[in-house]
Protein backbone atom coordinates (compact mmCIF):
# COMPACT_ATOMS: atom_id res chain seq x y z
CA MET A 1 142.92 160.90 87.10
CA LYS A 2 145.73 159.27 89.10
CA LYS A 3 145.60 155.46 89.33
CA PRO A 4 145.79 153.82 92.80
CA SER A 5 149.29 152.78 93.70
CA LYS A 6 150.43 149.20 94.28
CA LYS A 7 150.74 150.00 97.98
CA PHE A 8 147.03 150.84 98.09
CA TRP A 9 146.08 147.51 96.52
CA LYS A 10 148.29 145.63 98.95
CA ILE A 11 146.66 147.38 101.90
CA LEU A 12 143.19 146.65 100.50
CA LEU A 13 144.06 142.98 99.93
CA ALA A 14 145.47 142.66 103.43
CA PHE A 15 142.32 144.21 104.87
CA PHE A 16 140.13 141.79 102.91
CA ILE A 17 142.14 138.74 104.03
CA GLY A 18 142.00 139.95 107.62
CA PHE A 19 138.22 140.41 107.42
CA VAL A 20 137.71 136.89 106.03
CA ALA A 21 139.93 135.46 108.78
CA PHE A 22 137.87 137.33 111.37
CA LEU A 23 134.64 135.81 110.03
CA VAL A 24 136.16 132.30 110.16
CA VAL A 25 137.25 132.77 113.76
CA LEU A 26 133.86 134.24 114.66
CA ASP A 27 131.99 131.29 113.17
CA ASP A 28 134.28 128.48 114.35
CA VAL A 29 135.42 129.75 117.72
CA ILE A 30 133.54 132.69 119.14
CA PHE A 31 129.98 131.60 118.26
CA PRO A 32 130.43 128.01 119.54
CA LEU A 33 131.85 129.39 122.78
CA TYR A 34 128.95 131.80 123.05
CA VAL A 35 126.18 129.22 122.42
CA SER A 36 127.82 126.33 124.23
CA GLY A 37 126.20 125.28 127.46
CA LYS A 38 125.72 122.41 129.80
CA GLU A 39 125.11 119.05 128.19
CA GLU A 40 122.97 116.18 129.44
CA ALA A 41 122.48 112.53 128.54
CA VAL A 42 118.89 111.90 127.49
CA PRO A 43 117.14 109.62 130.04
CA ASN A 44 115.45 106.44 128.82
CA VAL A 45 111.68 106.96 129.11
CA VAL A 46 110.47 104.22 126.72
CA GLY A 47 107.86 102.09 128.48
CA LYS A 48 107.07 104.76 131.04
CA ASN A 49 103.72 106.51 131.36
CA LYS A 50 103.50 109.71 129.34
CA ASP A 51 103.15 111.96 132.40
CA GLU A 52 106.08 110.29 134.18
CA ALA A 53 108.24 110.57 131.07
CA ILE A 54 107.49 114.28 130.76
CA ARG A 55 108.42 114.80 134.42
CA ILE A 56 111.72 112.89 134.08
CA LEU A 57 112.76 114.77 130.94
CA THR A 58 111.77 118.15 132.37
CA ASN A 59 113.77 117.49 135.55
CA ALA A 60 116.76 116.67 133.33
CA GLY A 61 116.55 120.13 131.79
CA LEU A 62 115.06 118.92 128.51
CA SER A 63 111.88 119.89 126.63
CA PRO A 64 109.61 116.88 126.06
CA ILE A 65 107.07 117.05 123.24
CA VAL A 66 104.40 114.39 122.60
CA GLU A 67 104.65 114.25 118.83
CA THR A 68 102.19 111.49 117.93
CA SER A 69 100.13 108.57 119.19
CA ARG A 70 99.74 105.15 117.60
CA PHE A 71 98.58 101.64 118.49
CA ASP A 72 101.18 99.18 119.73
CA ASP A 73 100.13 95.88 121.26
CA LYS A 74 103.34 95.73 123.34
CA TYR A 75 102.52 98.87 125.30
CA GLN A 76 99.55 99.99 127.34
CA LYS A 77 97.66 103.19 126.59
CA ASP A 78 99.74 106.36 127.27
CA GLN A 79 103.04 104.50 127.57
CA VAL A 80 106.00 105.89 125.60
CA ILE A 81 106.91 103.55 122.74
CA TYR A 82 109.61 105.68 121.06
CA GLN A 83 111.76 108.69 121.85
CA LYS A 84 113.98 110.93 119.75
CA PRO A 85 116.86 111.52 120.49
CA ASN A 86 117.44 108.00 121.80
CA ALA A 87 118.30 107.29 125.41
CA ASN A 88 121.86 108.21 126.54
CA THR A 89 122.39 110.60 123.62
CA VAL A 90 124.34 113.62 124.90
CA VAL A 91 122.53 116.85 124.05
CA LYS A 92 122.44 120.47 125.10
CA VAL A 93 120.17 121.54 127.95
CA ASN A 94 116.68 122.52 126.77
CA ARG A 95 116.97 120.20 123.77
CA ARG A 96 113.56 119.00 122.55
CA VAL A 97 112.84 115.30 123.03
CA TYR A 98 110.03 113.98 120.84
CA LEU A 99 107.84 111.20 122.22
CA THR A 100 105.57 108.70 120.50
CA VAL A 101 102.87 107.40 122.84
CA SER A 102 100.73 104.26 122.65
CA GLY A 103 97.09 104.93 121.84
CA GLY A 104 96.01 101.70 123.53
CA GLU A 105 93.73 99.19 121.83
CA PRO A 106 92.93 99.71 118.13
CA MET A 107 89.46 101.13 117.57
CA VAL A 108 86.80 99.78 115.22
CA LYS A 109 83.37 101.09 114.25
CA MET A 110 80.33 99.23 115.51
CA PRO A 111 78.49 97.68 112.55
CA SER A 112 74.72 97.68 112.15
CA LEU A 113 73.28 94.31 113.17
CA ILE A 114 69.59 95.25 113.46
CA THR A 115 67.35 93.07 111.24
CA LYS A 116 70.26 90.71 110.46
CA SER A 117 69.91 87.03 111.25
CA PHE A 118 71.72 85.81 114.34
CA ARG A 119 74.21 83.85 112.22
CA GLU A 120 74.90 86.86 110.01
CA ALA A 121 75.42 89.02 113.10
CA GLN A 122 77.96 86.52 114.47
CA LEU A 123 79.95 86.60 111.23
CA THR A 124 79.82 90.41 111.05
CA LEU A 125 81.15 90.75 114.61
CA ALA A 126 83.96 88.30 113.89
CA ARG A 127 84.97 90.14 110.70
CA THR A 128 85.00 93.45 112.58
CA GLY A 129 87.16 92.07 115.39
CA LEU A 130 84.44 92.16 118.04
CA ASN A 131 83.22 89.37 120.31
CA LEU A 132 79.68 88.16 120.87
CA GLY A 133 78.51 88.58 124.45
CA LYS A 134 75.21 87.90 126.16
CA VAL A 135 72.27 87.09 123.88
CA ASP A 136 68.73 87.71 125.21
CA SER A 137 65.55 86.47 123.54
CA VAL A 138 62.71 88.98 123.32
CA GLU A 139 59.24 89.07 121.80
CA SER A 140 59.02 91.55 118.93
CA GLU A 141 57.43 92.22 115.58
CA PHE A 142 60.68 91.19 113.88
CA PRO A 143 60.91 87.69 112.39
CA ILE A 144 62.19 84.88 114.59
CA ASN A 145 66.01 84.75 115.06
CA THR A 146 66.46 88.35 113.93
CA ILE A 147 68.60 90.89 115.82
CA VAL A 148 66.35 93.59 117.31
CA GLU A 149 68.78 95.40 119.60
CA GLN A 150 72.56 95.85 119.89
CA GLN A 151 74.55 97.15 122.83
CA TYR A 152 76.39 99.90 120.90
CA PHE A 153 74.86 102.10 118.22
CA GLU A 154 76.03 101.81 114.63
CA GLY A 155 79.21 103.79 113.89
CA LYS A 156 80.34 104.10 117.52
CA GLU A 157 84.11 103.64 117.87
CA ILE A 158 84.93 100.88 120.36
CA ALA A 159 88.10 98.95 121.15
CA LYS A 160 88.83 95.93 119.02
CA GLY A 161 87.91 92.77 120.93
CA THR A 162 85.04 94.43 122.83
CA ILE A 163 82.20 92.12 123.90
CA VAL A 164 78.86 93.10 122.34
CA ASN A 165 75.53 92.02 123.85
CA LEU A 166 72.57 91.42 121.56
CA LYS A 167 68.82 90.83 121.71
CA VAL A 168 67.23 88.32 119.34
CA SER A 169 63.58 88.14 118.34
CA VAL A 170 61.49 85.08 119.16
CA GLY A 171 58.63 86.52 117.14
CA PRO A 172 55.50 88.35 118.29
CA LYS A 173 53.83 87.58 121.59
CA VAL A 174 51.12 84.94 121.69
CA GLY A 175 47.84 86.15 120.16
CA MET A 176 49.49 88.50 117.66
CA ILE A 177 49.61 88.01 113.91
CA ARG A 178 50.99 89.88 110.92
CA VAL A 179 48.64 91.53 108.46
CA PRO A 180 48.89 89.99 104.98
CA ASN A 181 49.20 91.94 101.74
CA LEU A 182 45.72 92.47 100.28
CA LEU A 183 46.56 95.01 97.55
CA GLY A 184 45.34 94.03 94.09
CA LYS A 185 43.09 91.29 95.43
CA SER A 186 39.32 91.20 95.14
CA LEU A 187 37.13 91.70 98.18
CA VAL A 188 36.14 88.02 98.08
CA GLU A 189 39.80 86.88 97.98
CA ALA A 190 40.77 89.26 100.79
CA ASP A 191 37.91 88.09 102.96
CA GLY A 192 39.01 84.47 102.55
CA ILE A 193 42.65 85.27 103.36
CA LEU A 194 41.74 87.25 106.47
CA ARG A 195 39.37 84.57 107.76
CA SER A 196 42.11 81.95 107.44
CA LEU A 197 44.27 84.07 109.76
CA SER A 198 41.46 84.75 112.27
CA LEU A 199 41.11 88.32 110.99
CA LYS A 200 38.22 90.03 109.20
CA VAL A 201 37.42 92.78 106.75
CA GLY A 202 36.66 96.05 108.52
CA ASN A 203 35.46 99.35 107.10
CA LYS A 204 35.17 99.56 103.31
CA THR A 205 35.82 102.78 101.40
CA PHE A 206 35.18 103.08 97.65
CA ILE A 207 36.93 105.15 94.97
CA ASN A 208 36.32 105.45 91.24
CA SER A 209 38.73 103.61 88.93
CA PRO A 210 38.31 103.42 85.14
CA THR A 211 41.01 100.75 84.78
CA LEU A 212 40.60 98.26 87.66
CA LEU A 213 37.79 95.80 88.15
CA PRO A 214 35.18 96.72 90.75
CA ASN A 215 35.93 95.64 94.33
CA THR A 216 39.69 95.54 93.81
CA ILE A 217 41.63 96.50 96.93
CA VAL A 218 43.95 99.48 96.36
CA ASP A 219 44.79 100.31 99.97
CA GLN A 220 44.60 98.72 103.40
CA GLN A 221 44.95 99.72 107.02
CA PRO A 222 46.87 98.40 108.95
CA ALA A 223 49.57 97.94 106.34
CA GLU A 224 51.17 94.65 105.38
CA ASN A 225 53.32 93.04 108.14
CA SER A 226 51.78 95.15 110.90
CA LEU A 227 51.17 93.15 114.09
CA VAL A 228 47.55 92.93 115.20
CA SER A 229 45.62 90.78 117.63
CA LEU A 230 43.65 87.76 116.52
CA GLY A 231 40.12 88.80 115.57
CA ASP A 232 41.11 92.34 114.57
CA SER A 233 39.76 94.00 111.43
CA VAL A 234 41.60 95.29 108.36
CA ASN A 235 40.05 98.33 106.70
CA VAL A 236 40.22 98.39 102.90
CA VAL A 237 39.81 100.83 100.02
CA LEU A 238 37.97 99.31 97.01
CA THR A 239 37.41 100.37 93.42
CA GLN A 240 34.09 101.02 91.77
CA THR A 241 33.37 101.71 88.10
CA LYS A 242 31.04 104.61 88.75
CA PHE A 243 29.76 106.53 91.71
CA GLY A 244 27.43 104.44 93.81
CA ASP A 245 28.41 101.06 92.30
CA LYS A 246 29.40 99.02 95.39
CA ARG A 247 28.55 95.54 94.29
């Protein structure tokens, strides 16, 4: 088989060099000319409302994109706090401009204040970054100086610094009293306790118990801490050693 001549190799080399030169010209000259277009200086939209900033950038032939939102105490909610590219940067038409927008006041979760003392509620609000507002006194079954109602429900996200109104218990209304704990006490003891509180023993129900002494209270109705009127009765369940023994 005849080997290729030197002339053939020279022609092949020249073709290869010409092809490489064509690619260089295509990449450095032709493509830039093809993709080049009108250029614009990016307007300054920092500090402007989000909607206004989008309108300004769109009118300038650019493509605004709200990329993220974060709290910044120097800017009001929905104001642009950062843009990329920066203002006055010369870019091609239709270039994307990314905006960071203020989310307004930082948000905190409303803590649970119900059943806390008024002092404890004050401290909890302060730690959370909330402010105490109007405090109303109300009659309730909760102990005196206990929070019984809060303006916002637990877990609700509200702006830091929000004023929170509360209602504080002044105790039950006049003529009401809490039922004492009678469990484990004898009928005689329970009767004495109830009488001292202007209450009385009501219906008595008996159950068998091989371990407890007769006439030991094992249940009561209303339950301990229930609010009842003065003179009301408390029903009790008592033990007996055998059926019919109700001494």
